[in-house]
Amino acid sequence: MEDLLDPLALSRWQFGLTTIYHFLFVPITIGMASVVAVYQTMWVRTGKIVYLQLVHFLGKIFLINFAMGVVTGIVQEFQFGMNWSNYSRFVGDVFGAPLALEGLLAFFLEATFIGLWIFGWDKLPPKLHLVTIWAVAVGTILSAYFIIAANAFMQNPVGYTINEAKGRAELVDIGAVLTNPVALAAFPHTILAAFMVTAGVMIAVAAWHLKRNQNIETMRPTLKFGLWLMVGAFAGTALSGDQLSLVMVDTQPMKMAAAEAMYNTSTGADASFSIFTLGTPDGVHELFSIRIPYLLSFLSTHTFDGTVEGINDLQAQYVQLYGPGDYTPVIWVTYWAFRWMIGLGAAHALVAVVGLWLTRKGRTPTAKWVWTIAIWASPMSLLAMSVGWVFTEMGRQPWIVFSLMKTSDAVSPNVSGLEVLISIIAFTIVYGILAVVEFRLILKTAQKGPEPIELEGDDPEDPAAKPIVRATVY
């Protein structure tokens, strides 16, 4: 019973669950803000009503996700003080700086200009109104960067000094924190992956309407935009992921070794990449695998004769550096999360490539199953991002701040397991209700489709008629 009410285990579960839940809304918000800004730019430049319809339509989806992201994100910061007070005391001076920048600069930028965008349709000139949505898009991306910079400190601590008297890390170089090599590599990887998620939503919504042969004028360009965005974003995600892997080898070699379940240091052909592996239940011994020789060496060092350190050698090094203890993460979680991340993302991109082929030269597939696959494939990129974050955080264990503080030392000392369990149950109930509300709102909006735009004048067929835009509460 004591193990079931272990405050550390329950606090980790709670933070993991609430973080993944919050992250369900983040990629769509990041990507959709920019997509809406692009469509509004196209409308301002061309005057085509179809683009204005898509701005209003996709804008609703963006706003629903934005609201849910804000609500669920607030919980994250409270948890640092409630369940992880030792962590907060130790790194608060450093960790708090990028979080403060996120709140005071990026979030206020988003919140201010999103209000101007919503209520300024009939009050601001079109070009000035366009600036407001671009400011929101920039704000969402800046917000993501500051959060990633804070997380990067946990992966690769920089810009700090340890105050032995106070027993905490103190900020000495905010520039180093904001230009952490992990942050610089993880940022484009995360943002481009968010655009994949957004593209998946656009493809699924367009496929639902085209399957029913409705809203062709707006859904056809939405589909093509989403398909090309998916392919382009996947290419960028893969390239930025390659750079991130090089940084990971330099800063957290144990994570790379765990991602491949490589126990012994290997060089050249022996540093192979496992496509598929069957192992013993404890994840220690390999029973069968399909491997590509040299690939792990290339991914880790960009050479085919490079050396990749193994788990056993790194464990021995860490014992010498940090004292007795087990410094390996949960191997099977790290190994499979890495592969699910790559596999789901690549599979979703493949769906987009096939979609581009099937819709080439203005063609529209008549087989219903084509549209069904496009619809049901929509969560793949989001799942890939979610397991990617699981890999990032689980691969860092047993550290909460690599080389400085273990996760077991970070939990609040005066919070009981029962208290954490009660809060988990409460969050599960509330988040479950919010999930139903969110899903129904998104589904209703997506299925309703773009609404017609009211035009000036008596003749709606007059090509010179201008759209009537009003302050809209979505």
Protein backbone atom coordinates (compact mmCIF):
# COMPACT_ATOMS: atom_id res chain seq x y z
CA MET A 1 0.00 0.00 0.00
CA GLU A 2 2.90 2.35 0.78
CA ASP A 3 4.28 1.81 -2.73
CA LEU A 4 0.90 2.72 -4.23
CA LEU A 5 0.89 5.97 -2.24
CA ASP A 6 4.52 6.88 -2.92
CA PRO A 7 4.52 10.71 -3.25
CA LEU A 8 7.38 10.67 -5.77
CA ALA A 9 5.74 8.16 -8.11
CA LEU A 10 2.33 9.81 -7.87
CA SER A 11 3.78 13.29 -8.37
CA ARG A 12 5.59 12.09 -11.48
CA TRP A 13 2.42 10.49 -12.81
CA GLN A 14 0.41 13.63 -12.14
CA PHE A 15 2.89 15.94 -13.79
CA GLY A 16 3.29 13.61 -16.76
CA LEU A 17 -0.45 13.22 -17.31
CA THR A 18 -1.28 16.91 -16.93
CA THR A 19 1.64 17.91 -19.13
CA ILE A 20 0.67 15.56 -21.94
CA TYR A 21 -2.94 16.69 -21.65
CA HIS A 22 -1.91 20.35 -21.84
CA PHE A 23 0.35 19.59 -24.78
CA LEU A 24 -2.58 18.22 -26.80
CA PHE A 25 -3.67 21.81 -27.42
CA VAL A 26 -0.31 23.52 -27.81
CA PRO A 27 0.79 22.35 -31.29
CA ILE A 28 -2.53 23.23 -32.93
CA THR A 29 -2.45 26.67 -31.32
CA ILE A 30 1.10 27.32 -32.51
CA GLY A 31 0.56 26.11 -36.05
CA MET A 32 -3.00 27.35 -36.57
CA ALA A 33 -2.15 30.93 -35.55
CA SER A 34 0.38 31.13 -38.38
CA VAL A 35 -1.94 29.39 -40.86
CA VAL A 36 -4.76 31.83 -40.08
CA ALA A 37 -2.29 34.72 -40.47
CA VAL A 38 -1.22 33.38 -43.88
CA TYR A 39 -4.81 33.04 -45.07
CA GLN A 40 -5.67 36.53 -43.85
CA THR A 41 -2.62 37.88 -45.69
CA MET A 42 -3.83 36.15 -48.85
CA TRP A 43 -7.27 37.72 -48.40
CA VAL A 44 -5.86 41.22 -47.85
CA ARG A 45 -3.62 40.88 -50.90
CA THR A 46 -6.12 39.27 -53.30
CA GLY A 47 -9.54 40.16 -51.91
CA LYS A 48 -10.77 36.60 -52.57
CA ILE A 49 -13.71 35.74 -50.32
CA VAL A 50 -12.66 32.10 -50.01
CA TYR A 51 -9.60 33.15 -47.99
CA LEU A 52 -11.70 35.27 -45.65
CA GLN A 53 -14.04 32.31 -45.10
CA LEU A 54 -11.08 30.15 -44.16
CA VAL A 55 -9.75 32.82 -41.79
CA HIS A 56 -13.03 32.81 -39.86
CA PHE A 57 -13.36 29.03 -40.02
CA LEU A 58 -9.85 28.07 -38.96
CA GLY A 59 -9.80 31.00 -36.54
CA LYS A 60 -12.56 29.36 -34.53
CA ILE A 61 -10.55 26.16 -34.20
CA PHE A 62 -7.51 28.20 -33.19
CA LEU A 63 -9.40 30.12 -30.49
CA ILE A 64 -10.93 27.00 -28.96
CA ASN A 65 -7.49 25.44 -28.62
CA PHE A 66 -5.96 28.68 -27.37
CA ALA A 67 -8.51 28.89 -24.55
CA MET A 68 -8.00 25.28 -23.53
CA GLY A 69 -4.23 25.66 -23.65
CA VAL A 70 -4.34 28.65 -21.32
CA VAL A 71 -6.62 26.91 -18.82
CA THR A 72 -4.58 23.70 -18.68
CA GLY A 73 -1.23 25.51 -18.77
CA ILE A 74 -1.90 27.40 -15.56
CA VAL A 75 -2.02 24.10 -13.68
CA GLN A 76 1.53 23.29 -14.76
CA GLU A 77 3.09 26.23 -12.95
CA PHE A 78 1.14 25.57 -9.75
CA GLN A 79 2.51 22.03 -9.65
CA PHE A 80 6.09 23.30 -9.39
CA GLY A 81 5.28 24.89 -6.05
CA MET A 82 2.93 22.23 -4.71
CA ASN A 83 4.44 18.88 -5.69
CA TRP A 84 8.00 19.91 -6.56
CA SER A 85 8.91 22.55 -3.98
CA ASN A 86 12.48 21.28 -3.51
CA TYR A 87 12.99 21.62 -7.25
CA SER A 88 11.47 25.11 -7.24
CA ARG A 89 13.74 26.23 -4.42
CA PHE A 90 16.83 24.80 -6.11
CA VAL A 91 16.37 26.14 -9.67
CA GLY A 92 13.73 28.85 -9.23
CA ASP A 93 16.22 31.67 -9.73
CA VAL A 94 17.24 30.23 -13.12
CA PHE A 95 14.14 28.39 -14.26
CA GLY A 96 11.89 31.31 -13.36
CA ALA A 97 13.63 33.75 -15.73
CA PRO A 98 12.49 32.24 -19.07
CA LEU A 99 9.07 31.48 -17.57
CA ALA A 100 8.75 35.14 -16.54
CA LEU A 101 9.73 36.23 -20.04
CA GLU A 102 7.11 33.87 -21.44
CA GLY A 103 4.41 35.32 -19.22
CA LEU A 104 5.35 39.01 -19.36
CA LEU A 105 6.33 39.24 -23.02
CA ALA A 106 5.00 36.39 -25.14
CA PHE A 107 1.72 35.64 -23.39
CA PHE A 108 0.77 39.29 -22.96
CA LEU A 109 1.60 39.82 -26.64
CA GLU A 110 -0.75 36.98 -27.54
CA ALA A 111 -3.51 38.03 -25.15
CA THR A 112 -3.47 41.70 -26.17
CA PHE A 113 -3.43 41.21 -29.91
CA ILE A 114 -5.84 38.29 -29.91
CA GLY A 115 -8.42 40.65 -28.41
CA LEU A 116 -7.67 43.25 -31.07
CA TRP A 117 -7.98 40.58 -33.74
CA ILE A 118 -11.33 39.25 -32.49
CA PHE A 119 -13.01 42.62 -31.95
CA GLY A 120 -11.18 44.76 -34.49
CA TRP A 121 -12.63 43.50 -37.76
CA ASP A 122 -14.83 46.56 -38.35
CA LYS A 123 -12.72 48.99 -36.32
CA LEU A 124 -9.21 48.63 -37.77
CA PRO A 125 -8.04 49.06 -41.37
CA PRO A 126 -7.52 45.64 -43.04
CA LYS A 127 -3.72 45.91 -43.10
CA LEU A 128 -3.50 47.03 -39.49
CA HIS A 129 -5.92 44.29 -38.49
CA LEU A 130 -3.68 41.83 -40.31
CA VAL A 131 -0.79 42.92 -38.09
CA THR A 132 -2.73 41.81 -35.02
CA ILE A 133 -3.00 38.16 -36.09
CA TRP A 134 0.66 38.11 -37.09
CA ALA A 135 1.51 39.47 -33.65
CA VAL A 136 -0.48 36.61 -32.13
CA ALA A 137 1.37 34.11 -34.31
CA VAL A 138 4.75 35.56 -33.31
CA GLY A 139 3.64 35.54 -29.67
CA THR A 140 2.76 31.85 -29.74
CA ILE A 141 6.15 31.00 -31.22
CA LEU A 142 8.01 33.22 -28.75
CA SER A 143 6.06 31.61 -25.93
CA ALA A 144 7.15 28.20 -27.14
CA TYR A 145 10.78 29.31 -27.29
CA PHE A 146 10.86 30.55 -23.70
CA ILE A 147 9.27 27.32 -22.47
CA ILE A 148 11.76 25.27 -24.47
CA ALA A 149 14.63 27.36 -23.06
CA ALA A 150 13.41 26.62 -19.53
CA ASN A 151 13.19 22.91 -20.31
CA ALA A 152 16.60 22.99 -21.98
CA PHE A 153 18.15 24.04 -18.66
CA MET A 154 16.86 20.77 -17.21
CA GLN A 155 18.54 18.87 -20.04
CA ASN A 156 21.78 20.89 -20.16
CA PRO A 157 22.27 23.36 -17.29
CA VAL A 158 24.11 26.55 -18.35
CA GLY A 159 24.37 30.16 -17.22
CA TYR A 160 24.25 29.40 -13.50
CA THR A 161 26.38 29.14 -10.40
CA ILE A 162 25.75 27.10 -7.27
CA ASN A 163 25.30 29.12 -4.09
CA GLU A 164 26.56 26.64 -1.51
CA ALA A 165 25.31 28.71 1.42
CA LYS A 166 21.74 28.76 0.13
CA GLY A 167 21.92 25.37 -1.54
CA ARG A 168 20.53 26.50 -4.86
CA ALA A 169 21.43 27.37 -8.44
CA GLU A 170 21.53 31.09 -9.24
CA LEU A 171 21.32 32.80 -12.59
CA VAL A 172 24.49 34.51 -13.78
CA ASP A 173 23.98 34.64 -17.57
CA ILE A 174 20.47 34.88 -19.01
CA GLY A 175 21.99 34.97 -22.49
CA ALA A 176 23.51 31.54 -21.97
CA VAL A 177 20.15 30.18 -20.79
CA LEU A 178 18.31 31.58 -23.81
CA THR A 179 20.99 30.39 -26.26
CA ASN A 180 21.39 26.94 -24.72
CA PRO A 181 22.45 24.58 -27.54
CA VAL A 182 19.61 22.23 -26.56
CA ALA A 183 17.07 25.05 -26.87
CA LEU A 184 18.45 26.21 -30.21
CA ALA A 185 18.18 22.66 -31.58
CA ALA A 186 14.87 21.70 -29.96
CA PHE A 187 13.03 24.89 -30.95
CA PRO A 188 12.84 24.38 -34.74
CA HIS A 189 12.20 20.67 -34.20
CA THR A 190 9.22 21.43 -31.95
CA ILE A 191 7.75 24.25 -34.05
CA LEU A 192 7.95 22.31 -37.30
CA ALA A 193 6.38 19.30 -35.62
CA ALA A 194 3.56 21.60 -34.44
CA PHE A 195 2.96 22.56 -38.07
CA MET A 196 2.67 18.86 -38.88
CA VAL A 197 -0.07 18.56 -36.25
CA THR A 198 -1.85 21.59 -37.69
CA ALA A 199 -1.55 20.19 -41.20
CA GLY A 200 -3.07 16.94 -39.98
CA VAL A 201 -6.10 18.82 -38.65
CA MET A 202 -6.52 20.72 -41.91
CA ILE A 203 -6.27 17.53 -43.97
CA ALA A 204 -8.80 15.69 -41.78
CA VAL A 205 -11.34 18.53 -41.81
CA ALA A 206 -11.04 18.99 -45.56
CA ALA A 207 -11.30 15.22 -46.12
CA TRP A 208 -14.49 15.05 -44.04
CA HIS A 209 -16.18 17.66 -46.23
CA LEU A 210 -14.80 16.41 -49.55
CA LYS A 211 -15.92 12.89 -48.71
CA ARG A 212 -19.45 14.32 -48.59
CA ASN A 213 -18.86 16.47 -51.66
CA GLN A 214 -19.59 19.72 -49.77
CA ASN A 215 -17.82 23.07 -49.40
CA ILE A 216 -15.62 22.17 -52.36
CA GLU A 217 -14.55 25.77 -53.02
CA THR A 218 -12.99 26.17 -49.57
CA MET A 219 -12.02 22.60 -48.68
CA ARG A 220 -10.10 21.82 -51.84
CA PRO A 221 -7.49 24.57 -51.22
CA THR A 222 -7.47 23.69 -47.52
CA LEU A 223 -6.60 20.10 -48.40
CA LYS A 224 -3.79 21.09 -50.76
CA PHE A 225 -2.40 23.59 -48.24
CA GLY A 226 -2.48 20.95 -45.50
CA LEU A 227 -0.85 18.26 -47.65
CA TRP A 228 2.04 20.49 -48.71
CA LEU A 229 2.44 21.85 -45.19
CA MET A 230 2.64 18.30 -43.84
CA VAL A 231 5.35 17.24 -46.30
CA GLY A 232 7.38 20.43 -45.87
CA ALA A 233 7.09 20.43 -42.08
CA PHE A 234 8.08 16.76 -41.91
CA ALA A 235 11.21 17.42 -43.97
CA GLY A 236 12.12 20.28 -41.62
CA THR A 237 11.32 18.20 -38.55
CA ALA A 238 13.56 15.38 -39.75
CA LEU A 239 16.48 17.72 -40.51
CA SER A 240 16.15 19.61 -37.23
CA GLY A 241 15.81 16.28 -35.40
CA ASP A 242 19.14 15.25 -36.86
CA GLN A 243 20.77 18.36 -35.41
CA LEU A 244 19.04 17.78 -32.09
CA SER A 245 20.46 14.25 -31.96
CA LEU A 246 24.00 15.63 -32.33
CA VAL A 247 23.41 18.02 -29.44
CA MET A 248 21.91 15.19 -27.39
CA VAL A 249 25.01 13.05 -27.90
CA ASP A 250 27.18 15.92 -26.66
CA THR A 251 25.05 16.86 -23.65
CA GLN A 252 23.21 13.64 -22.69
CA PRO A 253 24.97 10.62 -24.18
CA MET A 254 23.05 8.29 -21.86
CA LYS A 255 19.78 9.32 -23.50
CA MET A 256 21.08 8.38 -26.95
CA ALA A 257 22.42 5.08 -25.65
CA ALA A 258 19.07 4.33 -24.01
CA ALA A 259 17.22 5.30 -27.20
CA GLU A 260 19.07 2.49 -28.95
CA ALA A 261 19.30 0.18 -25.92
CA MET A 262 23.04 0.04 -26.62
CA TYR A 263 24.75 -1.38 -23.56
CA ASN A 264 28.26 -1.57 -24.95
CA THR A 265 30.25 1.16 -26.64
CA SER A 266 30.26 0.56 -30.40
CA THR A 267 32.08 1.94 -33.42
CA GLY A 268 31.34 1.96 -37.14
CA ALA A 269 29.24 -0.96 -38.36
CA ASP A 270 28.63 -2.12 -34.79
CA ALA A 271 26.98 1.23 -34.03
CA SER A 272 23.88 0.11 -35.90
CA PHE A 273 20.35 1.51 -35.69
CA SER A 274 17.66 -0.90 -34.59
CA ILE A 275 14.52 -0.73 -36.73
CA PHE A 276 12.77 -3.34 -34.63
CA THR A 277 13.86 -5.25 -31.56
CA LEU A 278 12.36 -7.97 -29.43
CA GLY A 279 13.92 -8.26 -25.99
CA THR A 280 13.45 -9.84 -22.61
CA PRO A 281 10.71 -8.36 -20.39
CA ASP A 282 13.29 -6.50 -18.29
CA GLY A 283 14.64 -4.81 -21.41
CA VAL A 284 18.20 -5.89 -20.69
CA HIS A 285 18.84 -8.60 -23.31
CA GLU A 286 18.07 -8.60 -27.00
CA LEU A 287 16.33 -11.64 -28.51
CA PHE A 288 15.86 -10.51 -32.11
CA SER A 289 16.41 -7.30 -34.02
CA ILE A 290 16.47 -5.78 -37.48
CA ARG A 291 19.38 -3.36 -37.72
CA ILE A 292 20.95 -0.95 -40.21
CA PRO A 293 24.75 -1.00 -39.85
CA TYR A 294 26.57 2.34 -39.43
CA LEU A 295 23.32 4.35 -39.15
CA LEU A 296 23.53 5.08 -35.42
CA SER A 297 27.16 6.10 -35.89
CA PHE A 298 26.09 8.53 -38.63
CA LEU A 299 23.15 9.91 -36.63
CA SER A 300 25.33 10.43 -33.56
CA THR A 301 28.52 11.75 -35.13
CA HIS A 302 27.78 12.39 -38.85
CA THR A 303 30.52 9.92 -39.70
CA PHE A 304 30.29 6.23 -40.52
CA ASP A 305 33.23 5.29 -38.30
CA GLY A 306 32.15 7.22 -35.21
CA THR A 307 31.98 5.81 -31.70
CA VAL A 308 28.76 5.78 -29.68
CA GLU A 309 29.15 5.27 -25.94
CA GLY A 310 27.15 2.45 -24.39
CA ILE A 311 25.01 2.36 -21.29
CA ASN A 312 27.44 0.27 -19.23
CA ASP A 313 30.42 2.56 -19.88
CA LEU A 314 28.37 5.68 -19.21
CA GLN A 315 27.01 4.19 -16.00
CA ALA A 316 30.56 3.59 -14.78
CA GLN A 317 31.56 7.15 -15.72
CA TYR A 318 28.57 8.64 -13.91
CA VAL A 319 29.30 6.64 -10.77
CA GLN A 320 32.77 8.14 -10.77
CA LEU A 321 31.40 11.66 -11.35
CA TYR A 322 28.25 11.68 -9.22
CA GLY A 323 28.67 8.86 -6.74
CA PRO A 324 26.95 5.47 -6.33
CA GLY A 325 23.56 4.98 -7.97
CA ASP A 326 21.71 3.81 -11.08
CA TYR A 327 21.97 6.46 -13.79
CA THR A 328 20.11 4.62 -16.54
CA PRO A 329 16.59 5.67 -17.58
CA VAL A 330 13.82 3.13 -18.12
CA ILE A 331 15.24 1.54 -21.26
CA TRP A 332 12.12 0.08 -22.84
CA VAL A 333 10.19 3.36 -22.47
CA THR A 334 13.02 5.40 -23.96
CA TYR A 335 13.67 2.89 -26.75
CA TRP A 336 10.07 2.57 -27.92
CA ALA A 337 9.13 6.23 -27.42
CA PHE A 338 11.97 7.18 -29.77
CA ARG A 339 10.72 4.78 -32.42
CA TRP A 340 7.04 5.64 -32.08
CA MET A 341 7.95 9.31 -32.45
CA ILE A 342 9.77 8.69 -35.71
CA GLY A 343 7.35 6.07 -37.02
CA LEU A 344 4.13 7.98 -36.40
CA GLY A 345 5.52 11.20 -37.86
CA ALA A 346 6.88 9.45 -40.94
CA ALA A 347 3.63 7.54 -41.46
CA HIS A 348 1.59 10.74 -41.34
CA ALA A 349 3.93 12.37 -43.85
CA LEU A 350 3.53 9.31 -46.10
CA VAL A 351 -0.24 9.75 -45.99
CA ALA A 352 0.27 13.34 -47.16
CA VAL A 353 2.58 12.28 -50.01
CA VAL A 354 -0.01 9.76 -51.21
CA GLY A 355 -2.67 12.46 -50.88
CA LEU A 356 -0.68 14.82 -53.10
CA TRP A 357 -0.37 12.09 -55.70
CA LEU A 358 -4.07 11.23 -55.63
CA THR A 359 -5.12 14.89 -55.91
CA ARG A 360 -2.56 15.92 -58.55
CA LYS A 361 -3.71 18.06 -61.49
CA GLY A 362 -7.02 18.86 -59.87
CA ARG A 363 -8.13 15.27 -59.41
CA THR A 364 -10.54 14.34 -56.62
CA PRO A 365 -10.55 10.72 -55.39
CA THR A 366 -13.94 9.08 -55.56
CA ALA A 367 -13.18 6.16 -53.22
CA LYS A 368 -14.55 6.86 -49.74
CA TRP A 369 -11.78 4.90 -48.06
CA VAL A 370 -9.20 7.45 -49.23
CA TRP A 371 -10.93 10.20 -47.28
CA THR A 372 -11.50 7.89 -44.32
CA ILE A 373 -7.78 7.17 -44.04
CA ALA A 374 -7.00 10.90 -44.19
CA ILE A 375 -9.48 11.55 -41.37
CA TRP A 376 -8.37 8.76 -39.07
CA ALA A 377 -4.68 9.54 -39.64
CA SER A 378 -5.15 13.03 -38.16
CA PRO A 379 -3.89 12.22 -34.61
CA MET A 380 -0.64 10.60 -35.78
CA SER A 381 1.55 13.72 -35.66
CA LEU A 382 0.10 14.75 -32.31
CA LEU A 383 0.81 11.30 -30.91
CA ALA A 384 4.33 11.50 -32.35
CA MET A 385 4.94 14.81 -30.55
CA SER A 386 3.53 13.45 -27.31
CA VAL A 387 5.75 10.35 -27.26
CA GLY A 388 8.62 12.59 -28.33
CA TRP A 389 8.23 14.57 -25.13
CA VAL A 390 7.95 11.31 -23.18
CA PHE A 391 11.28 10.32 -24.72
CA THR A 392 12.83 13.71 -23.89
CA GLU A 393 11.80 13.63 -20.24
CA MET A 394 12.09 9.91 -19.49
CA GLY A 395 15.46 9.74 -21.24
CA ARG A 396 16.81 12.33 -18.79
CA GLN A 397 16.00 10.24 -15.72
CA PRO A 398 17.05 9.80 -12.94
CA TRP A 399 17.81 13.51 -13.17
CA ILE A 400 15.28 16.33 -13.02
CA VAL A 401 18.15 18.74 -13.78
CA PHE A 402 20.87 16.77 -15.50
CA SER A 403 23.95 16.32 -13.32
CA LEU A 404 22.65 18.73 -10.64
CA MET A 405 19.50 17.33 -9.03
CA LYS A 406 17.83 13.94 -9.07
CA THR A 407 14.09 13.62 -9.48
CA SER A 408 13.85 11.81 -6.16
CA ASP A 409 15.31 14.88 -4.40
CA ALA A 410 12.96 17.35 -6.10
CA VAL A 411 9.58 16.27 -4.72
CA SER A 412 7.88 18.28 -1.97
CA PRO A 413 8.78 16.75 1.43
CA ASN A 414 5.50 17.64 3.16
CA VAL A 415 3.04 16.43 0.54
CA SER A 416 1.62 12.98 1.21
CA GLY A 417 0.87 10.36 -1.38
CA LEU A 418 -2.81 10.46 -0.49
CA GLU A 419 -2.97 14.20 -1.16
CA VAL A 420 -1.35 13.74 -4.55
CA LEU A 421 -3.68 10.84 -5.35
CA ILE A 422 -6.74 12.94 -4.52
CA SER A 423 -5.49 15.75 -6.76
CA ILE A 424 -4.84 13.25 -9.58
CA ILE A 425 -8.43 12.00 -9.32
CA ALA A 426 -9.74 15.58 -9.26
CA PHE A 427 -7.67 16.59 -12.27
CA THR A 428 -8.75 13.47 -14.14
CA ILE A 429 -12.43 14.28 -13.61
CA VAL A 430 -12.08 17.97 -14.52
CA TYR A 431 -9.81 17.31 -17.49
CA GLY A 432 -12.13 14.55 -18.68
CA ILE A 433 -15.03 17.00 -18.73
CA LEU A 434 -12.90 19.62 -20.49
CA ALA A 435 -11.81 17.03 -23.06
CA VAL A 436 -15.42 16.23 -23.91
CA VAL A 437 -16.26 19.94 -24.22
CA GLU A 438 -13.19 20.60 -26.36
CA PHE A 439 -13.79 17.66 -28.66
CA ARG A 440 -17.46 18.50 -29.17
CA LEU A 441 -16.70 22.16 -29.88
CA ILE A 442 -13.98 21.29 -32.39
CA LEU A 443 -16.11 18.59 -34.00
CA LYS A 444 -19.13 20.88 -34.28
CA THR A 445 -17.04 23.69 -35.76
CA ALA A 446 -15.22 21.41 -38.19
CA GLN A 447 -18.38 19.68 -39.42
CA LYS A 448 -20.27 22.93 -39.81
CA GLY A 449 -17.63 24.21 -42.18
CA PRO A 450 -16.93 27.76 -43.38
CA GLU A 451 -19.87 30.13 -43.22
CA PRO A 452 -20.85 32.36 -46.17
CA ILE A 453 -19.60 35.94 -46.07
CA GLU A 454 -22.17 38.72 -46.33
CA LEU A 455 -21.44 41.12 -49.19
CA GLU A 456 -22.26 44.78 -49.69
CA GLY A 457 -24.92 45.69 -52.24
CA ASP A 458 -28.05 44.00 -53.53
CA ASP A 459 -26.37 41.65 -55.97
CA PRO A 460 -24.33 38.91 -54.25
CA GLU A 461 -23.03 37.80 -57.67
CA ASP A 462 -21.43 41.20 -58.33
CA PRO A 463 -17.67 40.55 -58.50
CA ALA A 464 -17.04 44.10 -57.27
CA ALA A 465 -19.08 43.59 -54.10
CA LYS A 466 -16.97 43.88 -50.95
CA PRO A 467 -17.35 41.63 -47.91
CA ILE A 468 -18.93 43.03 -44.78
CA VAL A 469 -16.61 42.31 -41.88
CA ARG A 470 -17.80 42.87 -38.36
CA ALA A 471 -16.32 42.48 -34.91
CA THR A 472 -16.88 38.79 -34.36
CA VAL A 473 -17.17 36.89 -31.11
CA TYR A 474 -16.25 33.40 -32.27
